[in-house]
């Protein structure tokens, strides 16, 4: 299975620490929002970092 049309390994690295179901749902949402073939990695990485920060803040 390829997420966002990229190799499974890289897609897994992108969503590391999240379950496969979540990855699938995220990629589905992403595909719906971005019709381009190539994903915008800067944007994804920024959102992921933000999410991690938010989670970290919530834990404390």
C-alpha atoms as a PDB file:
ATOM      1  CA  UNK A   1       0.000   0.000   0.000  1.00  0.00           C
ATOM      2  CA  UNK A   2       1.301   3.412  -0.911  1.00  0.00           C
ATOM      3  CA  UNK A   3       0.096   6.494   0.898  1.00  0.00           C
ATOM      4  CA  UNK A   4      -0.139   9.657  -1.221  1.00  0.00           C
ATOM      5  CA  UNK A   5       1.508   7.754  -4.085  1.00  0.00           C
ATOM      6  CA  UNK A   6       4.845   7.556  -2.265  1.00  0.00           C
ATOM      7  CA  UNK A   7       6.798   4.568  -0.984  1.00  0.00           C
ATOM      8  CA  UNK A   8       5.299   2.935   2.108  1.00  0.00           C
ATOM      9  CA  UNK A   9       8.520   3.376   4.096  1.00  0.00           C
ATOM     10  CA  UNK A  10       8.617   7.160   3.655  1.00  0.00           C
ATOM     11  CA  UNK A  11       4.903   7.479   4.314  1.00  0.00           C
ATOM     12  CA  UNK A  12       5.374   5.483   7.513  1.00  0.00           C
ATOM     13  CA  UNK A  13       8.236   7.745   8.574  1.00  0.00           C
ATOM     14  CA  UNK A  14       5.977  10.720   7.941  1.00  0.00           C
ATOM     15  CA  UNK A  15       3.319   9.443  10.326  1.00  0.00           C
ATOM     16  CA  UNK A  16       5.650   7.690  12.764  1.00  0.00           C
ATOM     17  CA  UNK A  17       4.044   7.055  16.119  1.00  0.00           C
ATOM     18  CA  UNK A  18       0.517   6.994  14.698  1.00  0.00           C
ATOM     19  CA  UNK A  19      -1.494   3.873  13.931  1.00  0.00           C
ATOM     20  CA  UNK A  20      -1.948   2.695  10.345  1.00  0.00           C
ATOM     21  CA  UNK A  21      -5.678   3.461  10.455  1.00  0.00           C
ATOM     22  CA  UNK A  22      -4.855   7.038  11.357  1.00  0.00           C
ATOM     23  CA  UNK A  23      -2.281   7.195   8.558  1.00  0.00           C
ATOM     24  CA  UNK A  24      -4.867   5.950   6.085  1.00  0.00           C
ATOM     25  CA  UNK A  25      -7.483   8.456   7.235  1.00  0.00           C
ATOM     26  CA  UNK A  26      -4.918  11.279   7.185  1.00  0.00           C
ATOM     27  CA  UNK A  27      -3.777  10.373   3.690  1.00  0.00           C
ATOM     28  CA  UNK A  28      -7.407  10.160   2.573  1.00  0.00           C
ATOM     29  CA  UNK A  29      -8.126  13.630   3.947  1.00  0.00           C
ATOM     30  CA  UNK A  30      -4.880  14.868   2.425  1.00  0.00           C
ATOM     31  CA  UNK A  31      -5.766  13.456  -0.992  1.00  0.00           C
ATOM     32  CA  UNK A  32      -9.169  15.134  -0.852  1.00  0.00           C
ATOM     33  CA  UNK A  33      -7.630  18.485   0.053  1.00  0.00           C
ATOM     34  CA  UNK A  34      -4.640  18.325  -2.304  1.00  0.00           C
ATOM     35  CA  UNK A  35      -5.328  17.104  -5.810  1.00  0.00           C
ATOM     36  CA  UNK A  36      -1.701  17.563  -6.900  1.00  0.00           C
ATOM     37  CA  UNK A  37       0.367  14.399  -7.288  1.00  0.00           C
ATOM     38  CA  UNK A  38       3.271  15.644  -5.214  1.00  0.00           C
ATOM     39  CA  UNK A  39       2.547  16.369  -1.556  1.00  0.00           C
ATOM     40  CA  UNK A  40       3.764  19.611  -0.045  1.00  0.00           C
ATOM     41  CA  UNK A  41       6.309  18.219   2.411  1.00  0.00           C
ATOM     42  CA  UNK A  42       7.116  21.563   4.065  1.00  0.00           C
ATOM     43  CA  UNK A  43       3.461  22.019   4.892  1.00  0.00           C
ATOM     44  CA  UNK A  44       3.066  18.449   6.161  1.00  0.00           C
ATOM     45  CA  UNK A  45       6.178  18.646   8.321  1.00  0.00           C
ATOM     46  CA  UNK A  46       5.084  21.974   9.794  1.00  0.00           C
ATOM     47  CA  UNK A  47       1.628  20.633  10.653  1.00  0.00           C
ATOM     48  CA  UNK A  48       3.162  17.484  12.149  1.00  0.00           C
ATOM     49  CA  UNK A  49       5.551  19.534  14.283  1.00  0.00           C
ATOM     50  CA  UNK A  50       2.669  21.725  15.418  1.00  0.00           C
ATOM     51  CA  UNK A  51       0.619  18.660  16.346  1.00  0.00           C
ATOM     52  CA  UNK A  52       3.522  17.236  18.340  1.00  0.00           C
ATOM     53  CA  UNK A  53       3.960  20.568  20.152  1.00  0.00           C
ATOM     54  CA  UNK A  54       0.254  20.702  20.948  1.00  0.00           C
ATOM     55  CA  UNK A  55       0.311  17.108  22.259  1.00  0.00           C
ATOM     56  CA  UNK A  56       3.382  17.895  24.356  1.00  0.00           C
ATOM     57  CA  UNK A  57       1.714  20.965  25.856  1.00  0.00           C
ATOM     58  CA  UNK A  58      -1.446  18.967  26.621  1.00  0.00           C
ATOM     59  CA  UNK A  59       0.557  16.263  28.412  1.00  0.00           C
ATOM     60  CA  UNK A  60       2.025  18.803  30.832  1.00  0.00           C
END
